[in-house]
Amino acid sequence: MADTRRGLILINTGAGKGKTTAALGTALRAVGNGMKVLMLQFLKGSWHYGELDAVEAFGGNFVLKQMGRGFVKVGGAETDPEDIRLVEEAWAEARAAILSGAWDLVVLDEINYAISYKMLDATVVAETLREKPEMVHVILTGRNAHPLLVELADTVTEMREVKHAYEKGILAQRGIEY
């Protein structure tokens, strides 16, 4: 096996908990190895998550931006044009960041939701991933990863829910879910 070093495309998907958490763990590992990390959170924006405070300790080596308003309406409801505009704006920033080569790792948190909700075209994302500089790593998170992106990725991990605390009526816990 050749010792090839190159930027990887990774996808964290599935119905289980831990997609963003796994991406944050990889990002933390990257920063610990002297890499620069940008994490853009598609759709998130209405809650204050603990990771927003934690990454401040890394200064400009780990930048996390919430690019949405929070939960979006799906499943029969008309998507709010403002949410679509914010996804387009987030994608423009993501694309520029990936292609710039200024970041060693770019995390596109919840981008799979934006694609599965038809707010962003998977072919546009795939085109950018094919054009990325050789050493840039990209992680895409969210349920229902598009088959085109799964095919393009180097590593795909599917989180499977076995059981979850909410089934017992336990609400999301600070420091664990947010």
N, C-alpha and C. Protein backbone atom coordinates (compact mmCIF):
# COMPACT_ATOMS: atom_id res chain seq x y z
N MET A 1 0.84 -1.18 0.00
CA MET A 1 0.00 0.00 0.00
C MET A 1 0.89 1.25 0.00
N ALA A 2 0.63 2.14 -0.90
CA ALA A 2 1.41 3.36 -1.03
C ALA A 2 1.12 4.29 0.14
N ASP A 3 2.14 5.04 0.55
CA ASP A 3 2.00 6.02 1.62
C ASP A 3 1.62 7.36 0.99
N THR A 4 0.36 7.46 0.57
CA THR A 4 -0.13 8.65 -0.11
C THR A 4 -0.72 9.60 0.90
N ARG A 5 -0.31 10.86 0.84
CA ARG A 5 -0.88 11.88 1.71
C ARG A 5 -1.68 12.82 0.84
N ARG A 6 -2.95 12.99 1.19
CA ARG A 6 -3.81 13.90 0.45
C ARG A 6 -5.01 14.26 1.31
N GLY A 7 -5.68 15.30 0.94
CA GLY A 7 -6.88 15.70 1.64
C GLY A 7 -8.00 14.70 1.41
N LEU A 8 -8.71 14.37 2.45
CA LEU A 8 -9.78 13.39 2.37
C LEU A 8 -11.15 14.07 2.40
N ILE A 9 -12.11 13.39 1.84
CA ILE A 9 -13.52 13.77 1.94
C ILE A 9 -14.17 12.73 2.84
N LEU A 10 -14.72 13.20 3.97
CA LEU A 10 -15.34 12.31 4.94
C LEU A 10 -16.80 12.71 5.12
N ILE A 11 -17.65 11.72 5.32
CA ILE A 11 -19.07 11.98 5.57
C ILE A 11 -19.47 11.27 6.85
N ASN A 12 -20.11 12.01 7.75
CA ASN A 12 -20.72 11.46 8.95
C ASN A 12 -22.23 11.58 8.74
N THR A 13 -22.91 10.45 8.63
CA THR A 13 -24.34 10.46 8.32
C THR A 13 -25.05 9.43 9.17
N GLY A 14 -26.34 9.27 8.96
CA GLY A 14 -27.13 8.27 9.68
C GLY A 14 -28.07 8.89 10.69
N ALA A 15 -28.97 8.06 11.20
CA ALA A 15 -30.01 8.53 12.12
C ALA A 15 -29.53 8.63 13.57
N GLY A 16 -28.37 8.07 13.87
CA GLY A 16 -27.88 8.10 15.25
C GLY A 16 -27.22 9.41 15.62
N LYS A 17 -27.06 9.61 16.93
CA LYS A 17 -26.42 10.79 17.48
C LYS A 17 -24.91 10.72 17.23
N GLY A 18 -24.29 11.86 17.05
CA GLY A 18 -22.83 11.91 17.05
C GLY A 18 -22.17 12.38 15.78
N LYS A 19 -22.93 12.80 14.79
CA LYS A 19 -22.33 13.21 13.52
C LYS A 19 -21.49 14.48 13.69
N THR A 20 -22.08 15.50 14.27
CA THR A 20 -21.35 16.74 14.52
C THR A 20 -20.26 16.52 15.56
N THR A 21 -20.58 15.76 16.59
CA THR A 21 -19.61 15.49 17.65
C THR A 21 -18.36 14.81 17.09
N ALA A 22 -18.54 13.86 16.18
CA ALA A 22 -17.40 13.19 15.56
C ALA A 22 -16.59 14.17 14.72
N ALA A 23 -17.27 15.04 14.00
CA ALA A 23 -16.57 16.04 13.20
C ALA A 23 -15.77 16.99 14.09
N LEU A 24 -16.36 17.37 15.23
CA LEU A 24 -15.65 18.24 16.17
C LEU A 24 -14.42 17.54 16.74
N GLY A 25 -14.54 16.25 17.01
CA GLY A 25 -13.39 15.49 17.50
C GLY A 25 -12.27 15.46 16.48
N THR A 26 -12.61 15.25 15.22
CA THR A 26 -11.60 15.27 14.16
C THR A 26 -11.00 16.66 14.03
N ALA A 27 -11.85 17.68 14.12
CA ALA A 27 -11.35 19.06 14.05
C ALA A 27 -10.39 19.36 15.20
N LEU A 28 -10.71 18.90 16.39
CA LEU A 28 -9.84 19.09 17.55
C LEU A 28 -8.50 18.40 17.32
N ARG A 29 -8.54 17.20 16.79
CA ARG A 29 -7.31 16.47 16.46
C ARG A 29 -6.48 17.24 15.44
N ALA A 30 -7.16 17.80 14.43
CA ALA A 30 -6.45 18.55 13.39
C ALA A 30 -5.77 19.79 13.99
N VAL A 31 -6.49 20.54 14.81
CA VAL A 31 -5.91 21.74 15.44
C VAL A 31 -4.73 21.35 16.31
N GLY A 32 -4.85 20.23 17.02
CA GLY A 32 -3.75 19.74 17.85
C GLY A 32 -2.52 19.38 17.05
N ASN A 33 -2.70 19.13 15.78
CA ASN A 33 -1.58 18.83 14.88
C ASN A 33 -1.15 20.05 14.07
N GLY A 34 -1.54 21.24 14.53
CA GLY A 34 -1.10 22.47 13.90
C GLY A 34 -1.85 22.86 12.64
N MET A 35 -3.01 22.25 12.40
CA MET A 35 -3.78 22.55 11.20
C MET A 35 -4.79 23.66 11.48
N LYS A 36 -5.19 24.34 10.42
CA LYS A 36 -6.22 25.38 10.51
C LYS A 36 -7.56 24.77 10.10
N VAL A 37 -8.59 25.02 10.93
CA VAL A 37 -9.90 24.40 10.74
C VAL A 37 -10.99 25.47 10.65
N LEU A 38 -11.85 25.31 9.66
CA LEU A 38 -13.05 26.14 9.53
C LEU A 38 -14.25 25.21 9.59
N MET A 39 -15.19 25.50 10.48
CA MET A 39 -16.43 24.73 10.57
C MET A 39 -17.59 25.68 10.30
N LEU A 40 -18.32 25.40 9.23
CA LEU A 40 -19.50 26.19 8.88
C LEU A 40 -20.72 25.35 9.19
N GLN A 41 -21.60 25.87 10.03
CA GLN A 41 -22.79 25.13 10.43
C GLN A 41 -23.98 25.61 9.61
N PHE A 42 -24.33 24.80 8.61
CA PHE A 42 -25.51 25.08 7.79
C PHE A 42 -26.73 24.89 8.68
N LEU A 43 -27.69 25.77 8.57
CA LEU A 43 -28.98 25.72 9.26
C LEU A 43 -28.91 26.09 10.74
N LYS A 44 -27.84 25.76 11.45
CA LYS A 44 -27.77 26.09 12.87
C LYS A 44 -27.61 27.59 13.06
N GLY A 45 -28.19 28.11 14.14
CA GLY A 45 -28.02 29.52 14.40
C GLY A 45 -28.89 30.08 15.51
N SER A 46 -29.90 29.35 15.94
CA SER A 46 -30.80 29.91 16.94
C SER A 46 -30.41 29.53 18.37
N TRP A 47 -29.60 28.50 18.54
CA TRP A 47 -29.18 28.09 19.88
C TRP A 47 -27.71 28.42 20.07
N HIS A 48 -27.32 28.57 21.35
CA HIS A 48 -25.91 28.76 21.67
C HIS A 48 -25.34 27.41 22.10
N TYR A 49 -24.51 26.82 21.26
CA TYR A 49 -23.91 25.53 21.52
C TYR A 49 -22.57 25.72 22.23
N GLY A 50 -22.21 24.79 23.12
CA GLY A 50 -20.98 24.87 23.89
C GLY A 50 -19.74 24.96 23.02
N GLU A 51 -19.78 24.33 21.84
CA GLU A 51 -18.61 24.35 20.97
C GLU A 51 -18.25 25.76 20.50
N LEU A 52 -19.24 26.65 20.45
CA LEU A 52 -18.97 28.03 20.05
C LEU A 52 -17.98 28.68 21.01
N ASP A 53 -18.13 28.42 22.30
CA ASP A 53 -17.22 28.98 23.30
C ASP A 53 -15.89 28.24 23.32
N ALA A 54 -15.93 26.91 23.17
CA ALA A 54 -14.73 26.11 23.26
C ALA A 54 -13.70 26.46 22.18
N VAL A 55 -14.16 26.69 20.96
CA VAL A 55 -13.20 26.94 19.87
C VAL A 55 -12.50 28.29 20.00
N GLU A 56 -13.05 29.20 20.79
CA GLU A 56 -12.40 30.50 20.97
C GLU A 56 -10.99 30.36 21.54
N ALA A 57 -10.75 29.30 22.32
CA ALA A 57 -9.43 29.07 22.91
C ALA A 57 -8.36 28.83 21.85
N PHE A 58 -8.77 28.46 20.65
CA PHE A 58 -7.81 28.16 19.59
C PHE A 58 -7.52 29.36 18.69
N GLY A 59 -8.16 30.48 18.98
CA GLY A 59 -7.94 31.68 18.16
C GLY A 59 -8.34 31.42 16.73
N GLY A 60 -7.57 31.93 15.80
CA GLY A 60 -7.87 31.80 14.39
C GLY A 60 -7.57 30.43 13.80
N ASN A 61 -7.03 29.50 14.61
CA ASN A 61 -6.73 28.17 14.08
C ASN A 61 -7.96 27.28 14.01
N PHE A 62 -9.03 27.66 14.71
CA PHE A 62 -10.29 26.91 14.65
C PHE A 62 -11.41 27.94 14.68
N VAL A 63 -12.04 28.13 13.54
CA VAL A 63 -13.12 29.11 13.41
C VAL A 63 -14.42 28.35 13.17
N LEU A 64 -15.45 28.68 13.94
CA LEU A 64 -16.76 28.05 13.82
C LEU A 64 -17.79 29.14 13.59
N LYS A 65 -18.57 29.01 12.52
CA LYS A 65 -19.58 30.00 12.19
C LYS A 65 -20.94 29.34 12.03
N GLN A 66 -21.95 29.88 12.70
CA GLN A 66 -23.32 29.44 12.48
C GLN A 66 -23.87 30.26 11.32
N MET A 67 -24.39 29.57 10.31
CA MET A 67 -24.78 30.24 9.07
C MET A 67 -26.28 30.24 8.82
N GLY A 68 -27.07 29.75 9.76
CA GLY A 68 -28.51 29.68 9.57
C GLY A 68 -29.27 30.33 10.70
N ARG A 69 -30.58 30.08 10.71
CA ARG A 69 -31.45 30.63 11.75
C ARG A 69 -31.90 29.58 12.75
N GLY A 70 -31.52 28.34 12.52
CA GLY A 70 -31.98 27.27 13.39
C GLY A 70 -32.81 26.29 12.62
N PHE A 71 -33.83 25.77 13.23
CA PHE A 71 -34.65 24.75 12.59
C PHE A 71 -35.40 25.32 11.38
N VAL A 72 -35.49 24.52 10.33
CA VAL A 72 -36.20 24.94 9.12
C VAL A 72 -37.44 24.08 8.95
N LYS A 73 -38.42 24.61 8.26
CA LYS A 73 -39.67 23.88 8.02
C LYS A 73 -39.48 22.94 6.84
N VAL A 74 -39.85 21.68 7.05
CA VAL A 74 -39.78 20.68 5.98
C VAL A 74 -41.00 19.78 6.08
N GLY A 75 -41.12 18.86 5.15
CA GLY A 75 -42.20 17.89 5.21
C GLY A 75 -43.56 18.48 4.88
N GLY A 76 -43.70 19.01 3.69
CA GLY A 76 -44.98 19.56 3.26
C GLY A 76 -45.07 21.06 3.40
N ALA A 77 -44.31 21.62 4.33
CA ALA A 77 -44.33 23.08 4.51
C ALA A 77 -43.44 23.72 3.46
N GLU A 78 -43.84 24.88 3.00
CA GLU A 78 -43.03 25.63 2.03
C GLU A 78 -41.78 26.13 2.74
N THR A 79 -40.61 25.88 2.15
CA THR A 79 -39.37 26.34 2.76
C THR A 79 -39.32 27.86 2.70
N ASP A 80 -38.97 28.45 3.81
CA ASP A 80 -38.88 29.90 3.91
C ASP A 80 -37.77 30.40 2.98
N PRO A 81 -38.05 31.37 2.11
CA PRO A 81 -37.02 31.89 1.21
C PRO A 81 -35.79 32.43 1.94
N GLU A 82 -35.98 32.91 3.17
CA GLU A 82 -34.84 33.40 3.96
C GLU A 82 -33.89 32.26 4.30
N ASP A 83 -34.44 31.08 4.61
CA ASP A 83 -33.58 29.92 4.90
C ASP A 83 -32.81 29.49 3.65
N ILE A 84 -33.47 29.55 2.51
CA ILE A 84 -32.79 29.21 1.25
C ILE A 84 -31.67 30.21 0.99
N ARG A 85 -31.94 31.49 1.20
CA ARG A 85 -30.92 32.52 1.00
C ARG A 85 -29.72 32.28 1.92
N LEU A 86 -29.98 31.92 3.18
CA LEU A 86 -28.89 31.68 4.12
C LEU A 86 -28.07 30.45 3.73
N VAL A 87 -28.72 29.41 3.23
CA VAL A 87 -27.99 28.22 2.76
C VAL A 87 -27.12 28.60 1.56
N GLU A 88 -27.66 29.37 0.64
CA GLU A 88 -26.88 29.80 -0.53
C GLU A 88 -25.67 30.63 -0.10
N GLU A 89 -25.88 31.49 0.88
CA GLU A 89 -24.79 32.31 1.40
C GLU A 89 -23.73 31.43 2.09
N ALA A 90 -24.19 30.46 2.88
CA ALA A 90 -23.28 29.54 3.55
C ALA A 90 -22.49 28.73 2.53
N TRP A 91 -23.18 28.28 1.47
CA TRP A 91 -22.48 27.49 0.45
C TRP A 91 -21.44 28.35 -0.27
N ALA A 92 -21.76 29.58 -0.57
CA ALA A 92 -20.79 30.46 -1.24
C ALA A 92 -19.53 30.61 -0.38
N GLU A 93 -19.72 30.79 0.92
CA GLU A 93 -18.57 30.90 1.82
C GLU A 93 -17.81 29.58 1.90
N ALA A 94 -18.54 28.47 1.99
CA ALA A 94 -17.91 27.15 2.06
C ALA A 94 -17.08 26.87 0.81
N ARG A 95 -17.68 27.13 -0.35
CA ARG A 95 -16.98 26.89 -1.61
C ARG A 95 -15.70 27.71 -1.69
N ALA A 96 -15.80 28.99 -1.35
CA ALA A 96 -14.62 29.86 -1.38
C ALA A 96 -13.55 29.37 -0.40
N ALA A 97 -13.97 28.94 0.78
CA ALA A 97 -13.02 28.46 1.78
C ALA A 97 -12.31 27.20 1.32
N ILE A 98 -13.07 26.26 0.76
CA ILE A 98 -12.49 25.01 0.28
C ILE A 98 -11.48 25.27 -0.83
N LEU A 99 -11.88 26.06 -1.80
CA LEU A 99 -11.03 26.30 -2.96
C LEU A 99 -9.84 27.21 -2.66
N SER A 100 -9.93 28.00 -1.59
CA SER A 100 -8.84 28.93 -1.25
C SER A 100 -7.57 28.22 -0.81
N GLY A 101 -7.73 27.04 -0.22
CA GLY A 101 -6.56 26.33 0.30
C GLY A 101 -6.04 26.95 1.60
N ALA A 102 -6.71 27.94 2.14
CA ALA A 102 -6.28 28.61 3.37
C ALA A 102 -6.55 27.76 4.61
N TRP A 103 -7.45 26.79 4.48
CA TRP A 103 -7.83 25.92 5.60
C TRP A 103 -7.38 24.50 5.30
N ASP A 104 -6.86 23.82 6.32
CA ASP A 104 -6.46 22.42 6.17
C ASP A 104 -7.67 21.49 6.23
N LEU A 105 -8.67 21.89 7.03
CA LEU A 105 -9.89 21.10 7.20
C LEU A 105 -11.08 22.05 7.18
N VAL A 106 -12.06 21.74 6.34
CA VAL A 106 -13.31 22.50 6.31
C VAL A 106 -14.43 21.52 6.65
N VAL A 107 -15.16 21.83 7.73
CA VAL A 107 -16.29 21.00 8.15
C VAL A 107 -17.57 21.68 7.70
N LEU A 108 -18.39 20.96 6.96
CA LEU A 108 -19.67 21.46 6.47
C LEU A 108 -20.76 20.78 7.29
N ASP A 109 -21.00 21.32 8.46
CA ASP A 109 -21.91 20.71 9.42
C ASP A 109 -23.36 20.88 8.98
N GLU A 110 -24.07 19.78 8.91
CA GLU A 110 -25.48 19.71 8.52
C GLU A 110 -25.75 20.05 7.05
N ILE A 111 -24.72 20.04 6.24
CA ILE A 111 -24.92 20.30 4.81
C ILE A 111 -25.80 19.23 4.17
N ASN A 112 -25.72 17.99 4.70
CA ASN A 112 -26.55 16.91 4.13
C ASN A 112 -28.03 17.21 4.28
N TYR A 113 -28.42 17.89 5.37
CA TYR A 113 -29.82 18.29 5.53
C TYR A 113 -30.19 19.31 4.47
N ALA A 114 -29.34 20.31 4.27
CA ALA A 114 -29.63 21.34 3.27
C ALA A 114 -29.82 20.72 1.89
N ILE A 115 -29.03 19.69 1.58
CA ILE A 115 -29.16 19.01 0.30
C ILE A 115 -30.44 18.17 0.26
N SER A 116 -30.70 17.39 1.30
CA SER A 116 -31.89 16.53 1.29
C SER A 116 -33.18 17.33 1.34
N TYR A 117 -33.14 18.55 1.88
CA TYR A 117 -34.31 19.44 1.89
C TYR A 117 -34.45 20.23 0.59
N LYS A 118 -33.58 19.94 -0.38
CA LYS A 118 -33.61 20.60 -1.71
C LYS A 118 -33.31 22.10 -1.64
N MET A 119 -32.50 22.47 -0.66
CA MET A 119 -32.08 23.86 -0.52
C MET A 119 -30.72 24.10 -1.20
N LEU A 120 -30.05 22.99 -1.54
CA LEU A 120 -28.73 23.04 -2.15
C LEU A 120 -28.59 21.81 -3.04
N ASP A 121 -27.99 22.00 -4.21
CA ASP A 121 -27.86 20.93 -5.20
C ASP A 121 -26.59 20.11 -4.94
N ALA A 122 -26.75 18.81 -4.78
CA ALA A 122 -25.61 17.92 -4.52
C ALA A 122 -24.57 17.95 -5.63
N THR A 123 -25.00 18.16 -6.88
CA THR A 123 -24.03 18.18 -7.98
C THR A 123 -23.09 19.39 -7.88
N VAL A 124 -23.59 20.49 -7.36
CA VAL A 124 -22.75 21.68 -7.17
C VAL A 124 -21.71 21.41 -6.08
N VAL A 125 -22.13 20.75 -5.03
CA VAL A 125 -21.21 20.41 -3.95
C VAL A 125 -20.16 19.43 -4.46
N ALA A 126 -20.59 18.42 -5.19
CA ALA A 126 -19.66 17.42 -5.72
C ALA A 126 -18.63 18.07 -6.65
N GLU A 127 -19.07 19.00 -7.46
CA GLU A 127 -18.16 19.70 -8.37
C GLU A 127 -17.05 20.41 -7.60
N THR A 128 -17.42 21.09 -6.52
CA THR A 128 -16.42 21.78 -5.71
C THR A 128 -15.48 20.80 -5.03
N LEU A 129 -16.01 19.70 -4.52
CA LEU A 129 -15.16 18.70 -3.87
C LEU A 129 -14.15 18.11 -4.86
N ARG A 130 -14.56 17.95 -6.11
CA ARG A 130 -13.63 17.45 -7.13
C ARG A 130 -12.54 18.46 -7.45
N GLU A 131 -12.83 19.74 -7.27
CA GLU A 131 -11.88 20.82 -7.59
C GLU A 131 -11.01 21.23 -6.41
N LYS A 132 -11.27 20.71 -5.22
CA LYS A 132 -10.57 21.18 -4.02
C LYS A 132 -9.07 20.98 -4.15
N PRO A 133 -8.29 21.85 -3.50
CA PRO A 133 -6.84 21.63 -3.49
C PRO A 133 -6.52 20.26 -2.89
N GLU A 134 -5.44 19.68 -3.35
CA GLU A 134 -5.11 18.30 -3.01
C GLU A 134 -5.04 18.01 -1.51
N MET A 135 -4.52 18.94 -0.71
CA MET A 135 -4.31 18.66 0.71
C MET A 135 -5.43 19.16 1.62
N VAL A 136 -6.51 19.67 1.08
CA VAL A 136 -7.62 20.14 1.91
C VAL A 136 -8.53 18.96 2.24
N HIS A 137 -8.81 18.79 3.54
CA HIS A 137 -9.74 17.78 4.02
C HIS A 137 -11.11 18.44 4.16
N VAL A 138 -12.19 17.69 3.88
CA VAL A 138 -13.55 18.20 4.02
C VAL A 138 -14.39 17.13 4.71
N ILE A 139 -15.16 17.57 5.73
CA ILE A 139 -16.11 16.68 6.40
C ILE A 139 -17.50 17.23 6.17
N LEU A 140 -18.42 16.36 5.74
CA LEU A 140 -19.82 16.72 5.56
C LEU A 140 -20.64 15.94 6.58
N THR A 141 -21.54 16.63 7.29
CA THR A 141 -22.35 15.93 8.29
C THR A 141 -23.83 16.10 8.00
N GLY A 142 -24.62 15.26 8.66
CA GLY A 142 -26.08 15.32 8.56
C GLY A 142 -26.64 14.01 8.04
N ARG A 143 -27.90 13.77 8.38
CA ARG A 143 -28.58 12.56 7.92
C ARG A 143 -28.76 12.58 6.40
N ASN A 144 -29.04 11.42 5.87
CA ASN A 144 -29.42 11.27 4.46
C ASN A 144 -28.39 11.81 3.47
N ALA A 145 -27.14 11.43 3.66
CA ALA A 145 -26.11 11.87 2.72
C ALA A 145 -26.49 11.47 1.30
N HIS A 146 -26.33 12.38 0.38
CA HIS A 146 -26.70 12.15 -1.01
C HIS A 146 -25.80 11.06 -1.62
N PRO A 147 -26.38 10.12 -2.38
CA PRO A 147 -25.58 9.03 -2.98
C PRO A 147 -24.40 9.52 -3.82
N LEU A 148 -24.53 10.62 -4.51
CA LEU A 148 -23.43 11.17 -5.30
C LEU A 148 -22.24 11.53 -4.41
N LEU A 149 -22.53 12.11 -3.26
CA LEU A 149 -21.47 12.51 -2.33
C LEU A 149 -20.88 11.30 -1.62
N VAL A 150 -21.72 10.31 -1.31
CA VAL A 150 -21.24 9.08 -0.70
C VAL A 150 -20.24 8.40 -1.65
N GLU A 151 -20.58 8.37 -2.93
CA GLU A 151 -19.69 7.76 -3.93
C GLU A 151 -18.36 8.51 -4.03
N LEU A 152 -18.41 9.81 -3.93
CA LEU A 152 -17.23 10.66 -4.07
C LEU A 152 -16.33 10.62 -2.83
N ALA A 153 -16.90 10.38 -1.66
CA ALA A 153 -16.16 10.44 -0.40
C ALA A 153 -15.14 9.32 -0.28
N ASP A 154 -14.09 9.60 0.50
CA ASP A 154 -13.08 8.60 0.81
C ASP A 154 -13.52 7.72 1.98
N THR A 155 -14.18 8.33 2.96
CA THR A 155 -14.63 7.62 4.16
C THR A 155 -16.05 8.07 4.48
N VAL A 156 -16.94 7.10 4.69
CA VAL A 156 -18.32 7.39 5.08
C VAL A 156 -18.63 6.58 6.33
N THR A 157 -19.07 7.28 7.36
CA THR A 157 -19.47 6.63 8.61
C THR A 157 -20.94 6.89 8.84
N GLU A 158 -21.68 5.83 9.10
CA GLU A 158 -23.10 5.95 9.37
C GLU A 158 -23.35 5.69 10.85
N MET A 159 -23.88 6.71 11.54
CA MET A 159 -24.24 6.56 12.94
C MET A 159 -25.62 5.90 12.99
N ARG A 160 -25.73 4.83 13.75
CA ARG A 160 -26.97 4.09 13.87
C ARG A 160 -27.46 4.20 15.30
N GLU A 161 -28.69 4.63 15.45
CA GLU A 161 -29.25 4.74 16.79
C GLU A 161 -29.68 3.37 17.29
N VAL A 162 -29.16 2.99 18.43
CA VAL A 162 -29.58 1.75 19.09
C VAL A 162 -30.65 2.10 20.12
N LYS A 163 -30.39 3.12 20.92
CA LYS A 163 -31.40 3.70 21.81
C LYS A 163 -30.95 5.11 22.14
N HIS A 164 -31.88 5.92 22.60
CA HIS A 164 -31.58 7.32 22.90
C HIS A 164 -32.33 7.73 24.16
N ALA A 165 -31.72 8.58 24.95
CA ALA A 165 -32.30 9.02 26.22
C ALA A 165 -33.68 9.66 26.05
N TYR A 166 -33.92 10.31 24.91
CA TYR A 166 -35.23 10.98 24.74
C TYR A 166 -36.38 9.98 24.74
N GLU A 167 -36.09 8.71 24.43
CA GLU A 167 -37.13 7.68 24.47
C GLU A 167 -37.65 7.47 25.89
N LYS A 168 -36.83 7.85 26.90
CA LYS A 168 -37.23 7.75 28.30
C LYS A 168 -37.73 9.10 28.82
N GLY A 169 -37.89 10.07 27.90
CA GLY A 169 -38.36 11.39 28.30
C GLY A 169 -37.27 12.30 28.82
N ILE A 170 -36.02 11.95 28.62
CA ILE A 170 -34.90 12.77 29.09
C ILE A 170 -34.58 13.81 28.02
N LEU A 171 -34.63 15.08 28.40
CA LEU A 171 -34.37 16.16 27.45
C LEU A 171 -32.89 16.26 27.10
N ALA A 172 -32.59 17.00 26.05
CA ALA A 172 -31.20 17.24 25.64
C ALA A 172 -30.42 17.82 26.81
N GLN A 173 -29.22 17.32 27.02
CA GLN A 173 -28.39 17.73 28.14
C GLN A 173 -27.27 18.66 27.71
N ARG A 174 -27.13 19.78 28.46
CA ARG A 174 -26.04 20.72 28.21
C ARG A 174 -24.71 19.98 28.32
N GLY A 175 -23.83 20.22 27.37
CA GLY A 175 -22.51 19.59 27.37
C GLY A 175 -22.48 18.26 26.66
N ILE A 176 -23.63 17.68 26.40
CA ILE A 176 -23.70 16.40 25.69
C ILE A 176 -24.34 16.60 24.32
N GLU A 177 -25.53 17.18 24.26
CA GLU A 177 -26.20 17.42 22.97
C GLU A 177 -25.95 18.82 22.45
N TYR A 178 -25.60 19.75 23.29
CA TYR A 178 -25.37 21.13 22.85
C TYR A 178 -24.37 21.82 23.75
